[in-house]
N, C-alpha and C. Protein backbone atom coordinates (compact mmCIF):
# COMPACT_ATOMS: atom_id res chain seq x y z
N MET A 1 15.93 48.87 -59.37
CA MET A 1 16.42 47.66 -58.48
C MET A 1 15.32 46.62 -58.42
N ALA A 2 15.41 45.48 -58.69
CA ALA A 2 14.86 44.89 -58.68
C ALA A 2 14.86 43.82 -57.06
N LEU A 3 14.14 43.65 -56.51
CA LEU A 3 14.59 42.18 -55.22
C LEU A 3 14.29 41.39 -55.87
N ARG A 4 15.54 40.60 -55.37
CA ARG A 4 15.44 39.04 -55.71
C ARG A 4 15.82 38.21 -54.24
N ALA A 5 14.27 37.38 -54.37
CA ALA A 5 14.48 36.20 -53.30
C ALA A 5 16.03 35.91 -53.44
N PRO A 6 16.10 35.44 -51.91
CA PRO A 6 17.05 34.21 -52.19
C PRO A 6 17.16 33.00 -52.36
N PRO A 7 18.10 31.77 -53.04
CA PRO A 7 17.85 30.91 -53.96
C PRO A 7 17.07 29.53 -52.48
N ARG A 8 16.02 29.08 -53.11
CA ARG A 8 15.46 27.87 -52.07
C ARG A 8 17.22 26.41 -52.15
N THR A 9 16.84 26.44 -50.80
CA THR A 9 17.93 24.98 -50.46
C THR A 9 17.02 23.94 -50.34
N ALA A 10 17.45 23.05 -50.75
CA ALA A 10 16.75 21.52 -50.04
C ALA A 10 16.66 21.36 -48.90
N PRO A 11 15.32 21.02 -48.62
CA PRO A 11 15.76 20.60 -47.09
C PRO A 11 16.36 20.33 -46.25
N PRO A 12 16.76 20.08 -45.44
CA PRO A 12 17.86 19.18 -44.60
C PRO A 12 17.46 17.33 -44.77
N THR A 13 18.62 16.93 -45.07
CA THR A 13 18.21 15.23 -45.41
C THR A 13 17.99 14.48 -44.11
N ARG A 14 16.88 13.69 -43.49
CA ARG A 14 17.24 13.07 -42.81
C ARG A 14 17.58 11.87 -42.57
N PRO A 15 18.26 11.28 -41.75
CA PRO A 15 19.35 10.02 -41.51
C PRO A 15 17.24 8.61 -42.05
N PRO A 16 18.04 7.75 -42.26
CA PRO A 16 17.25 6.91 -42.72
C PRO A 16 16.74 6.41 -41.57
N THR A 17 15.39 5.99 -40.77
CA THR A 17 14.76 5.60 -39.61
C THR A 17 14.65 4.28 -39.94
N SER A 18 15.25 3.57 -38.84
CA SER A 18 15.50 2.32 -38.58
C SER A 18 13.91 1.58 -38.21
N PRO A 19 13.43 0.17 -38.69
CA PRO A 19 12.26 -0.36 -38.38
C PRO A 19 12.21 -0.21 -36.94
N PRO A 20 10.92 -0.39 -36.34
CA PRO A 20 10.93 -0.79 -35.03
C PRO A 20 11.40 -1.87 -34.55
N PRO A 21 11.89 -2.17 -33.83
CA PRO A 21 12.37 -3.56 -32.70
C PRO A 21 10.94 -4.66 -32.49
N PRO A 22 11.30 -5.82 -33.41
CA PRO A 22 10.54 -6.71 -32.75
C PRO A 22 9.51 -6.64 -31.75
N ARG A 23 8.02 -7.06 -31.72
CA ARG A 23 7.99 -7.13 -30.65
C ARG A 23 7.89 -8.66 -30.16
N LEU A 24 8.19 -8.88 -28.45
CA LEU A 24 8.07 -9.70 -28.11
C LEU A 24 7.54 -10.05 -27.30
N VAL A 25 6.52 -11.21 -27.11
CA VAL A 25 5.89 -11.44 -26.16
C VAL A 25 6.09 -12.47 -25.32
N ALA A 26 5.72 -12.70 -23.90
CA ALA A 26 6.52 -13.72 -23.34
C ALA A 26 5.18 -14.01 -22.23
N TYR A 27 4.81 -15.48 -21.86
CA TYR A 27 4.26 -15.82 -21.33
C TYR A 27 4.64 -16.70 -19.73
N ALA A 28 3.97 -16.24 -18.24
CA ALA A 28 3.86 -17.02 -17.66
C ALA A 28 2.88 -17.15 -16.99
N GLY A 29 2.19 -18.56 -15.70
CA GLY A 29 1.22 -18.72 -15.28
C GLY A 29 1.83 -18.86 -13.97
N VAL A 30 0.30 -18.54 -12.95
CA VAL A 30 0.43 -18.53 -11.37
C VAL A 30 -0.38 -19.40 -11.11
N ASN A 31 -0.63 -20.57 -10.38
CA ASN A 31 -1.78 -21.40 -10.27
C ASN A 31 -1.63 -20.76 -8.79
N PRO A 32 -3.22 -20.19 -8.42
CA PRO A 32 -3.47 -19.01 -7.25
C PRO A 32 -3.93 -20.06 -5.88
N LYS A 33 -4.10 -21.41 -6.35
CA LYS A 33 -4.37 -22.10 -5.03
C LYS A 33 -3.80 -23.76 -5.93
N THR A 34 -3.29 -24.05 -5.00
CA THR A 34 -2.80 -25.32 -5.34
C THR A 34 -2.87 -26.60 -4.04
N THR A 35 -3.48 -26.11 -2.92
CA THR A 35 -4.23 -26.91 -1.81
C THR A 35 -5.98 -26.81 -1.67
N ASN A 36 -6.64 -27.53 -1.19
CA ASN A 36 -7.90 -27.32 -1.11
C ASN A 36 -8.59 -26.97 0.37
N THR A 37 -7.64 -26.11 0.81
CA THR A 37 -7.90 -25.59 2.47
C THR A 37 -8.17 -24.02 1.83
N ASP A 38 -8.79 -23.26 3.10
CA ASP A 38 -9.97 -22.13 2.71
C ASP A 38 -8.33 -20.82 2.93
N GLY A 39 -6.88 -20.71 3.03
CA GLY A 39 -6.37 -20.15 3.40
C GLY A 39 -5.71 -19.57 2.09
N GLY A 40 -4.90 -18.49 2.95
CA GLY A 40 -3.82 -18.18 1.40
C GLY A 40 -3.94 -16.57 1.46
N LYS A 41 -2.91 -15.87 0.77
CA LYS A 41 -2.88 -14.54 0.95
C LYS A 41 -3.41 -14.15 -0.73
N GLU A 42 -4.48 -12.97 -0.34
CA GLU A 42 -5.14 -12.17 -1.08
C GLU A 42 -4.28 -11.37 -1.90
N LEU A 43 -4.01 -11.70 -3.23
CA LEU A 43 -3.34 -10.44 -4.04
C LEU A 43 -3.98 -9.83 -4.72
N ASP A 44 -3.81 -8.58 -5.50
CA ASP A 44 -4.38 -7.87 -6.42
C ASP A 44 -3.42 -7.78 -7.62
N SER A 45 -2.17 -7.79 -7.51
CA SER A 45 -0.86 -7.82 -8.12
C SER A 45 -0.55 -8.69 -8.23
N ILE A 46 0.70 -8.90 -9.18
CA ILE A 46 1.96 -10.14 -8.36
C ILE A 46 3.19 -8.74 -9.65
N ILE A 47 4.17 -9.03 -8.77
CA ILE A 47 5.52 -8.78 -9.60
C ILE A 47 6.09 -9.61 -10.22
N VAL A 48 6.84 -8.89 -11.24
CA VAL A 48 7.28 -9.89 -12.56
C VAL A 48 8.19 -9.29 -13.19
N ALA A 49 9.23 -10.06 -12.89
CA ALA A 49 10.75 -10.06 -13.62
C ALA A 49 11.50 -10.97 -14.16
N VAL A 50 12.42 -10.43 -15.15
CA VAL A 50 13.02 -11.64 -15.79
C VAL A 50 13.61 -12.46 -14.98
N GLY A 51 14.01 -12.32 -14.25
CA GLY A 51 15.17 -13.43 -13.30
C GLY A 51 15.16 -12.68 -11.80
N ASN A 52 16.03 -12.97 -11.23
CA ASN A 52 16.17 -12.89 -9.47
C ASN A 52 16.97 -11.12 -9.76
N GLU A 53 17.33 -11.15 -10.20
CA GLU A 53 18.47 -9.72 -10.94
C GLU A 53 18.04 -9.03 -11.47
N ASP A 54 16.77 -8.88 -12.22
CA ASP A 54 15.97 -8.01 -12.65
C ASP A 54 16.30 -6.59 -11.82
N ALA A 55 16.65 -5.16 -12.39
CA ALA A 55 16.64 -4.06 -11.90
C ALA A 55 15.32 -3.74 -11.94
N ASN A 56 14.60 -4.33 -13.18
CA ASN A 56 12.95 -3.24 -13.03
C ASN A 56 12.08 -4.07 -13.36
N PRO A 57 11.99 -4.72 -12.37
CA PRO A 57 10.66 -5.70 -12.34
C PRO A 57 9.36 -4.47 -12.54
N VAL A 58 8.23 -5.41 -12.59
CA VAL A 58 6.73 -4.56 -12.94
C VAL A 58 6.33 -5.10 -12.30
N SER A 59 4.83 -4.22 -11.71
CA SER A 59 3.79 -5.09 -10.98
C SER A 59 2.38 -5.21 -12.21
N LEU A 60 2.23 -6.42 -11.74
CA LEU A 60 0.31 -6.27 -12.95
C LEU A 60 -0.99 -6.63 -11.92
N LYS A 61 -1.56 -6.04 -12.08
CA LYS A 61 -2.93 -6.42 -11.38
C LYS A 61 -3.70 -7.21 -11.79
N VAL A 62 -4.00 -8.05 -11.13
CA VAL A 62 -4.13 -9.11 -11.61
C VAL A 62 -6.05 -9.62 -11.35
N GLY A 63 -6.75 -8.45 -10.60
CA GLY A 63 -8.27 -8.63 -9.44
C GLY A 63 -7.55 -9.16 -8.79
N THR A 64 -8.43 -10.04 -8.09
CA THR A 64 -7.75 -10.40 -6.48
C THR A 64 -7.81 -12.01 -6.91
N ILE A 65 -6.41 -12.58 -6.41
CA ILE A 65 -6.99 -13.89 -6.29
C ILE A 65 -6.29 -14.02 -5.00
N THR A 66 -6.28 -15.55 -4.58
CA THR A 66 -5.62 -16.01 -3.13
C THR A 66 -4.81 -17.28 -3.46
N VAL A 67 -3.71 -17.17 -2.76
CA VAL A 67 -2.45 -17.97 -3.35
C VAL A 67 -2.51 -18.44 -1.72
N ASP A 68 -2.30 -19.74 -1.51
CA ASP A 68 -1.53 -20.62 -0.65
C ASP A 68 -0.59 -20.90 -0.79
N LYS A 69 0.02 -21.87 -2.00
CA LYS A 69 1.30 -21.84 -2.01
C LYS A 69 1.61 -21.59 -3.41
N PRO A 70 2.51 -20.48 -3.67
CA PRO A 70 2.95 -20.03 -5.31
C PRO A 70 3.46 -21.24 -5.96
N VAL A 71 2.46 -21.29 -7.30
CA VAL A 71 3.54 -22.02 -8.50
C VAL A 71 3.77 -20.77 -9.79
N VAL A 72 4.59 -20.90 -10.15
CA VAL A 72 4.52 -20.25 -11.19
C VAL A 72 4.92 -20.96 -12.17
N THR A 73 5.26 -20.66 -13.48
CA THR A 73 6.20 -20.95 -14.73
C THR A 73 7.01 -20.75 -15.01
N ASN A 74 7.82 -21.29 -15.83
CA ASN A 74 9.09 -20.00 -16.99
C ASN A 74 8.33 -19.47 -17.88
N TRP A 75 9.18 -18.85 -18.63
CA TRP A 75 8.41 -17.58 -19.49
C TRP A 75 8.49 -18.81 -20.68
N HIS A 76 6.98 -18.61 -21.40
CA HIS A 76 6.55 -19.02 -22.97
C HIS A 76 6.63 -18.06 -23.97
N THR A 77 6.37 -18.96 -25.16
CA THR A 77 5.58 -18.02 -26.22
C THR A 77 4.50 -18.33 -26.38
N ALA A 78 4.13 -19.61 -25.81
CA ALA A 78 2.70 -19.60 -26.38
C ALA A 78 2.02 -19.82 -24.77
N PRO A 79 0.74 -19.16 -24.96
CA PRO A 79 0.32 -18.78 -23.67
C PRO A 79 0.21 -20.65 -23.14
N ALA A 80 -0.82 -21.39 -23.55
CA ALA A 80 -1.21 -22.72 -23.37
C ALA A 80 0.09 -23.51 -22.55
N ASP A 81 1.62 -23.23 -23.32
CA ASP A 81 2.66 -23.74 -22.21
C ASP A 81 2.64 -22.88 -20.90
N ALA A 82 2.21 -21.98 -20.61
CA ALA A 82 2.69 -21.48 -19.36
C ALA A 82 1.12 -21.68 -18.49
N VAL A 83 0.37 -22.16 -18.22
CA VAL A 83 -0.80 -22.93 -17.46
C VAL A 83 -0.02 -23.68 -16.53
N PRO A 84 0.02 -24.04 -15.26
CA PRO A 84 0.58 -24.64 -14.49
C PRO A 84 -0.24 -25.57 -14.21
N PHE A 85 0.25 -26.60 -14.33
CA PHE A 85 -0.27 -28.28 -13.79
C PHE A 85 0.62 -28.73 -12.53
N ASN A 86 -0.42 -29.35 -11.73
CA ASN A 86 -0.20 -29.95 -10.12
C ASN A 86 0.17 -31.52 -10.40
């Protein structure tokens, strides 16, 4: 009696993978000093959120900046547009 290996079966098919979602980049600017005074609050990070109701804001390290009157911009798709002007 000869031993016979069981028939080979094709490996299971995997569902087609979808491409990764597009990478979205947005820029916002912070003007650390808006007056000529020496005062202000020293920060080493800022909290970034999409809006006031954002459930998942993130904290970003920014080095050390002194902010006396915070000025921020809206979200932009080009970095140059995110530079706040007085």
